[in-house]
Amino acid sequence: MFKEARESIRLLAGLGVEGDAHLGETVQHRSRKRADPTQPNLRQVHLIHAELHKELRERGFDVAAGQMGENVTTSGVDLLGLPTGALLRLGDEAVIEVTGLRNPCKQLDEVQPGLMEAVLDRDAEGNLVRKSGVMAVVLEGGEVRPGDPMAVELPAEPHRALEKI
């Protein structure tokens, strides 16, 4: 799960992050692959907002970029508030489409005990809030480096809220 920070990653259209365990046109997640190996891979790129890392550090967790399995760490963008289908332009070439919320798994507790519970919350109505980032598919490939600009393009309304995938 842990991914070390790199000078760059290469996004491959329709596949994901070059060299990543989730690379592929069809689902690569173990349990989903067992259920139906032909379903499309909607989890090609995992993004987490740096603000979550800060929140977790303030709660006593020692979490750095990549430790929760994310491929890209963002800052200043409300990833969890994006609608399904939002496009993110990363760097000069890459374009990804947000497909849903990452559903956290028990592997997070292998990073640090209690981490899975720490990325779950409840809203005012008591609904479960998943804070462990978003998943996306690669529409246009390209090299992505730390500090590259990111632009958000929202889909046409009505917007659909992100759901777990």
C-alpha atoms as a PDB file:
ATOM      1  CA  MET A   1       0.000   0.000   0.000  1.00  0.00           C
ATOM      2  CA  PHE A   2       2.748   2.468   0.976  1.00  0.00           C
ATOM      3  CA  LYS A   3       4.061   4.510  -1.944  1.00  0.00           C
ATOM      4  CA  GLU A   4       7.240   6.534  -1.722  1.00  0.00           C
ATOM      5  CA  ALA A   5       7.353  10.101  -2.997  1.00  0.00           C
ATOM      6  CA  ARG A   6       8.841  10.268  -6.477  1.00  0.00           C
ATOM      7  CA  GLU A   7      10.165  13.012  -8.706  1.00  0.00           C
ATOM      8  CA  SER A   8       7.383  12.207 -11.167  1.00  0.00           C
ATOM      9  CA  ILE A   9       4.782   9.654 -12.136  1.00  0.00           C
ATOM     10  CA  ARG A  10       3.554   8.799 -15.613  1.00  0.00           C
ATOM     11  CA  LEU A  11      -0.186   8.530 -16.134  1.00  0.00           C
ATOM     12  CA  LEU A  12      -1.223   6.217 -18.970  1.00  0.00           C
ATOM     13  CA  ALA A  13      -4.559   6.904 -20.694  1.00  0.00           C
ATOM     14  CA  GLY A  14      -7.161   4.273 -19.864  1.00  0.00           C
ATOM     15  CA  LEU A  15      -4.784   2.387 -17.557  1.00  0.00           C
ATOM     16  CA  GLY A  16      -3.572   4.416 -14.580  1.00  0.00           C
ATOM     17  CA  VAL A  17      -0.170   5.054 -13.040  1.00  0.00           C
ATOM     18  CA  GLU A  18       2.748   3.344 -14.743  1.00  0.00           C
ATOM     19  CA  GLY A  19       4.149   0.654 -12.438  1.00  0.00           C
ATOM     20  CA  ASP A  20       1.249   0.825  -9.962  1.00  0.00           C
ATOM     21  CA  ALA A  21      -0.522  -2.305  -8.676  1.00  0.00           C
ATOM     22  CA  HIS A  22      -3.884  -0.864  -9.802  1.00  0.00           C
ATOM     23  CA  LEU A  23      -2.766  -0.314 -13.407  1.00  0.00           C
ATOM     24  CA  GLY A  24      -5.221  -1.745 -15.912  1.00  0.00           C
ATOM     25  CA  GLU A  25      -8.396  -1.273 -17.930  1.00  0.00           C
ATOM     26  CA  THR A  26     -10.287  -3.727 -15.753  1.00  0.00           C
ATOM     27  CA  VAL A  27     -10.584  -3.762 -11.968  1.00  0.00           C
ATOM     28  CA  GLN A  28      -7.401  -4.648 -10.065  1.00  0.00           C
ATOM     29  CA  HIS A  29      -8.712  -4.441  -6.489  1.00  0.00           C
ATOM     30  CA  ARG A  30      -8.525  -7.994  -5.093  1.00  0.00           C
ATOM     31  CA  SER A  31     -12.076  -8.397  -3.755  1.00  0.00           C
ATOM     32  CA  ARG A  32     -13.661  -6.671  -6.743  1.00  0.00           C
ATOM     33  CA  LYS A  33     -11.595  -8.755  -9.146  1.00  0.00           C
ATOM     34  CA  ARG A  34     -12.817 -11.950  -7.447  1.00  0.00           C
ATOM     35  CA  ALA A  35     -16.432 -10.775  -7.765  1.00  0.00           C
ATOM     36  CA  ASP A  36     -16.168  -9.791 -11.457  1.00  0.00           C
ATOM     37  CA  PRO A  37     -12.766  -9.461 -13.176  1.00  0.00           C
ATOM     38  CA  THR A  38     -14.370  -7.872 -16.279  1.00  0.00           C
ATOM     39  CA  GLN A  39     -15.690  -4.727 -14.575  1.00  0.00           C
ATOM     40  CA  PRO A  40     -13.980  -1.470 -15.591  1.00  0.00           C
ATOM     41  CA  ASN A  41     -11.204  -0.119 -13.398  1.00  0.00           C
ATOM     42  CA  LEU A  42     -12.607   3.057 -11.869  1.00  0.00           C
ATOM     43  CA  ARG A  43      -9.729   3.177  -9.372  1.00  0.00           C
ATOM     44  CA  GLN A  44      -6.751   3.912 -11.651  1.00  0.00           C
ATOM     45  CA  VAL A  45      -5.499   6.943  -9.687  1.00  0.00           C
ATOM     46  CA  HIS A  46      -5.902   7.613  -5.954  1.00  0.00           C
ATOM     47  CA  LEU A  47      -5.744  11.225  -4.763  1.00  0.00           C
ATOM     48  CA  ILE A  48      -5.640  12.475  -1.168  1.00  0.00           C
ATOM     49  CA  HIS A  49      -5.721  16.085  -0.021  1.00  0.00           C
ATOM     50  CA  ALA A  50      -2.745  17.245   2.058  1.00  0.00           C
ATOM     51  CA  GLU A  51      -5.231  18.817   4.439  1.00  0.00           C
ATOM     52  CA  LEU A  52      -6.196  15.284   5.557  1.00  0.00           C
ATOM     53  CA  HIS A  53      -2.559  14.528   6.377  1.00  0.00           C
ATOM     54  CA  LYS A  54      -2.457  17.705   8.494  1.00  0.00           C
ATOM     55  CA  GLU A  55      -5.700  16.782  10.274  1.00  0.00           C
ATOM     56  CA  LEU A  56      -4.382  13.297  11.025  1.00  0.00           C
ATOM     57  CA  ARG A  57      -1.049  14.655  12.327  1.00  0.00           C
ATOM     58  CA  GLU A  58      -2.981  16.992  14.646  1.00  0.00           C
ATOM     59  CA  ARG A  59      -4.774  13.899  15.979  1.00  0.00           C
ATOM     60  CA  GLY A  60      -1.467  12.151  16.716  1.00  0.00           C
ATOM     61  CA  PHE A  61      -0.921  10.116  13.547  1.00  0.00           C
ATOM     62  CA  ASP A  62       2.434  10.242  11.800  1.00  0.00           C
ATOM     63  CA  VAL A  63       1.232  10.204   8.189  1.00  0.00           C
ATOM     64  CA  ALA A  64       3.106  11.409   5.125  1.00  0.00           C
ATOM     65  CA  ALA A  65       2.188  11.585   1.447  1.00  0.00           C
ATOM     66  CA  GLY A  66       1.949   8.123  -0.092  1.00  0.00           C
ATOM     67  CA  GLN A  67       1.534   6.200   3.156  1.00  0.00           C
ATOM     68  CA  MET A  68      -2.170   5.630   2.583  1.00  0.00           C
ATOM     69  CA  GLY A  69      -1.574   4.376  -0.939  1.00  0.00           C
ATOM     70  CA  GLU A  70      -2.304   7.577  -2.801  1.00  0.00           C
ATOM     71  CA  ASN A  71      -0.649   8.309  -6.119  1.00  0.00           C
ATOM     72  CA  VAL A  72      -1.204  12.081  -5.983  1.00  0.00           C
ATOM     73  CA  THR A  73      -1.388  14.450  -3.021  1.00  0.00           C
ATOM     74  CA  THR A  74      -3.238  17.709  -3.636  1.00  0.00           C
ATOM     75  CA  SER A  75      -3.513  20.939  -1.710  1.00  0.00           C
ATOM     76  CA  GLY A  76      -6.169  23.642  -1.709  1.00  0.00           C
ATOM     77  CA  VAL A  77      -8.845  21.641  -3.567  1.00  0.00           C
ATOM     78  CA  ASP A  78     -11.888  20.170  -1.830  1.00  0.00           C
ATOM     79  CA  LEU A  79     -11.499  16.715  -3.373  1.00  0.00           C
ATOM     80  CA  LEU A  80     -14.304  15.209  -1.303  1.00  0.00           C
ATOM     81  CA  GLY A  81     -16.674  17.964  -2.433  1.00  0.00           C
ATOM     82  CA  LEU A  82     -16.108  17.388  -6.144  1.00  0.00           C
ATOM     83  CA  PRO A  83     -18.937  15.863  -8.158  1.00  0.00           C
ATOM     84  CA  THR A  84     -18.670  12.599 -10.039  1.00  0.00           C
ATOM     85  CA  GLY A  85     -17.192  13.305 -13.474  1.00  0.00           C
ATOM     86  CA  ALA A  86     -15.115  16.326 -12.458  1.00  0.00           C
ATOM     87  CA  LEU A  87     -11.993  16.627 -14.597  1.00  0.00           C
ATOM     88  CA  LEU A  88      -8.620  17.379 -13.073  1.00  0.00           C
ATOM     89  CA  ARG A  89      -5.849  18.673 -15.307  1.00  0.00           C
ATOM     90  CA  LEU A  90      -2.516  17.718 -13.766  1.00  0.00           C
ATOM     91  CA  GLY A  91       0.607  19.383 -15.096  1.00  0.00           C
ATOM     92  CA  ASP A  92       0.920  20.124 -18.801  1.00  0.00           C
ATOM     93  CA  GLU A  93      -0.717  17.036 -20.293  1.00  0.00           C
ATOM     94  CA  ALA A  94      -2.561  14.699 -17.950  1.00  0.00           C
ATOM     95  CA  VAL A  95      -6.341  14.750 -17.498  1.00  0.00           C
ATOM     96  CA  ILE A  96      -8.146  12.490 -15.058  1.00  0.00           C
ATOM     97  CA  GLU A  97     -11.855  12.061 -14.324  1.00  0.00           C
ATOM     98  CA  VAL A  98     -13.029  11.664 -10.726  1.00  0.00           C
ATOM     99  CA  THR A  99     -15.068   8.476 -10.376  1.00  0.00           C
ATOM    100  CA  GLY A 100     -15.809   8.222  -6.652  1.00  0.00           C
ATOM    101  CA  LEU A 101     -14.694   8.154  -3.060  1.00  0.00           C
ATOM    102  CA  ARG A 102     -12.039   5.780  -1.877  1.00  0.00           C
ATOM    103  CA  ASN A 103     -13.597   3.341   0.531  1.00  0.00           C
ATOM    104  CA  PRO A 104     -10.991   2.936   3.268  1.00  0.00           C
ATOM    105  CA  CYS A 105      -9.966  -0.579   4.202  1.00  0.00           C
ATOM    106  CA  LYS A 106      -8.357  -2.308   7.174  1.00  0.00           C
ATOM    107  CA  GLN A 107      -4.952  -2.076   5.459  1.00  0.00           C
ATOM    108  CA  LEU A 108      -4.808   1.484   6.801  1.00  0.00           C
ATOM    109  CA  ASP A 109      -4.490   0.026  10.302  1.00  0.00           C
ATOM    110  CA  GLU A 110      -1.300  -1.694   9.116  1.00  0.00           C
ATOM    111  CA  VAL A 111       0.136   1.774   8.462  1.00  0.00           C
ATOM    112  CA  GLN A 112      -0.853   2.856  11.981  1.00  0.00           C
ATOM    113  CA  PRO A 113      -3.372   1.347  14.385  1.00  0.00           C
ATOM    114  CA  GLY A 114      -6.626   3.312  14.378  1.00  0.00           C
ATOM    115  CA  LEU A 115      -5.967   5.016  11.038  1.00  0.00           C
ATOM    116  CA  MET A 116      -8.970   3.460   9.296  1.00  0.00           C
ATOM    117  CA  GLU A 117     -11.334   4.748  11.962  1.00  0.00           C
ATOM    118  CA  ALA A 118      -9.635   8.157  11.831  1.00  0.00           C
ATOM    119  CA  VAL A 119     -10.519   8.615   8.144  1.00  0.00           C
ATOM    120  CA  LEU A 120     -14.195   7.912   8.804  1.00  0.00           C
ATOM    121  CA  ASP A 121     -16.549  10.480  10.270  1.00  0.00           C
ATOM    122  CA  ARG A 122     -20.260  11.290  10.560  1.00  0.00           C
ATOM    123  CA  ASP A 123     -22.024  14.369   9.219  1.00  0.00           C
ATOM    124  CA  ALA A 124     -24.745  16.299  11.079  1.00  0.00           C
ATOM    125  CA  GLU A 125     -27.389  13.818   9.867  1.00  0.00           C
ATOM    126  CA  GLY A 126     -25.340  10.822  11.010  1.00  0.00           C
ATOM    127  CA  ASN A 127     -24.287   9.744   7.507  1.00  0.00           C
ATOM    128  CA  LEU A 128     -20.896   8.100   7.118  1.00  0.00           C
ATOM    129  CA  VAL A 129     -18.234  10.418   5.670  1.00  0.00           C
ATOM    130  CA  ARG A 130     -15.249   8.793   3.958  1.00  0.00           C
ATOM    131  CA  LYS A 131     -12.249  11.148   4.088  1.00  0.00           C
ATOM    132  CA  SER A 132      -9.573   8.909   2.553  1.00  0.00           C
ATOM    133  CA  GLY A 133      -9.516  10.578  -0.853  1.00  0.00           C
ATOM    134  CA  VAL A 134     -10.990  10.099  -4.284  1.00  0.00           C
ATOM    135  CA  MET A 135     -10.414   7.751  -7.177  1.00  0.00           C
ATOM    136  CA  ALA A 136     -10.129   8.648 -10.854  1.00  0.00           C
ATOM    137  CA  VAL A 137      -9.492   7.263 -14.323  1.00  0.00           C
ATOM    138  CA  VAL A 138      -6.901   8.601 -16.740  1.00  0.00           C
ATOM    139  CA  LEU A 139      -8.383  10.247 -19.843  1.00  0.00           C
ATOM    140  CA  GLU A 140      -5.150  11.773 -21.154  1.00  0.00           C
ATOM    141  CA  GLY A 141      -1.761  10.557 -20.060  1.00  0.00           C
ATOM    142  CA  GLY A 142       1.325  12.524 -19.174  1.00  0.00           C
ATOM    143  CA  GLU A 143       4.083  13.128 -16.664  1.00  0.00           C
ATOM    144  CA  VAL A 144       3.024  14.573 -13.286  1.00  0.00           C
ATOM    145  CA  ARG A 145       5.487  16.116 -10.831  1.00  0.00           C
ATOM    146  CA  PRO A 146       5.193  17.537  -7.325  1.00  0.00           C
ATOM    147  CA  GLY A 147       4.201  21.188  -7.513  1.00  0.00           C
ATOM    148  CA  ASP A 148       2.580  20.872 -10.953  1.00  0.00           C
ATOM    149  CA  PRO A 149      -0.516  23.031 -11.363  1.00  0.00           C
ATOM    150  CA  MET A 150      -3.916  21.395 -11.101  1.00  0.00           C
ATOM    151  CA  ALA A 151      -7.062  22.781 -12.685  1.00  0.00           C
ATOM    152  CA  VAL A 152     -10.591  21.581 -11.922  1.00  0.00           C
ATOM    153  CA  GLU A 153     -13.348  21.434 -14.545  1.00  0.00           C
ATOM    154  CA  LEU A 154     -16.810  20.645 -13.243  1.00  0.00           C
ATOM    155  CA  PRO A 155     -19.239  18.594 -15.337  1.00  0.00           C
ATOM    156  CA  ALA A 156     -22.572  19.970 -16.510  1.00  0.00           C
ATOM    157  CA  GLU A 157     -25.245  20.245 -13.845  1.00  0.00           C
ATOM    158  CA  PRO A 158     -26.996  18.602 -12.181  1.00  0.00           C
ATOM    159  CA  HIS A 159     -23.938  17.371 -10.292  1.00  0.00           C
ATOM    160  CA  ARG A 160     -23.873  13.874  -8.788  1.00  0.00           C
ATOM    161  CA  ALA A 161     -22.280  13.562  -5.369  1.00  0.00           C
ATOM    162  CA  LEU A 162     -19.367  11.159  -5.103  1.00  0.00           C
ATOM    163  CA  GLU A 163     -20.156   7.670  -3.869  1.00  0.00           C
ATOM    164  CA  LYS A 164     -17.798   4.971  -2.586  1.00  0.00           C
ATOM    165  CA  ILE A 165     -16.230   2.810  -5.235  1.00  0.00           C
END
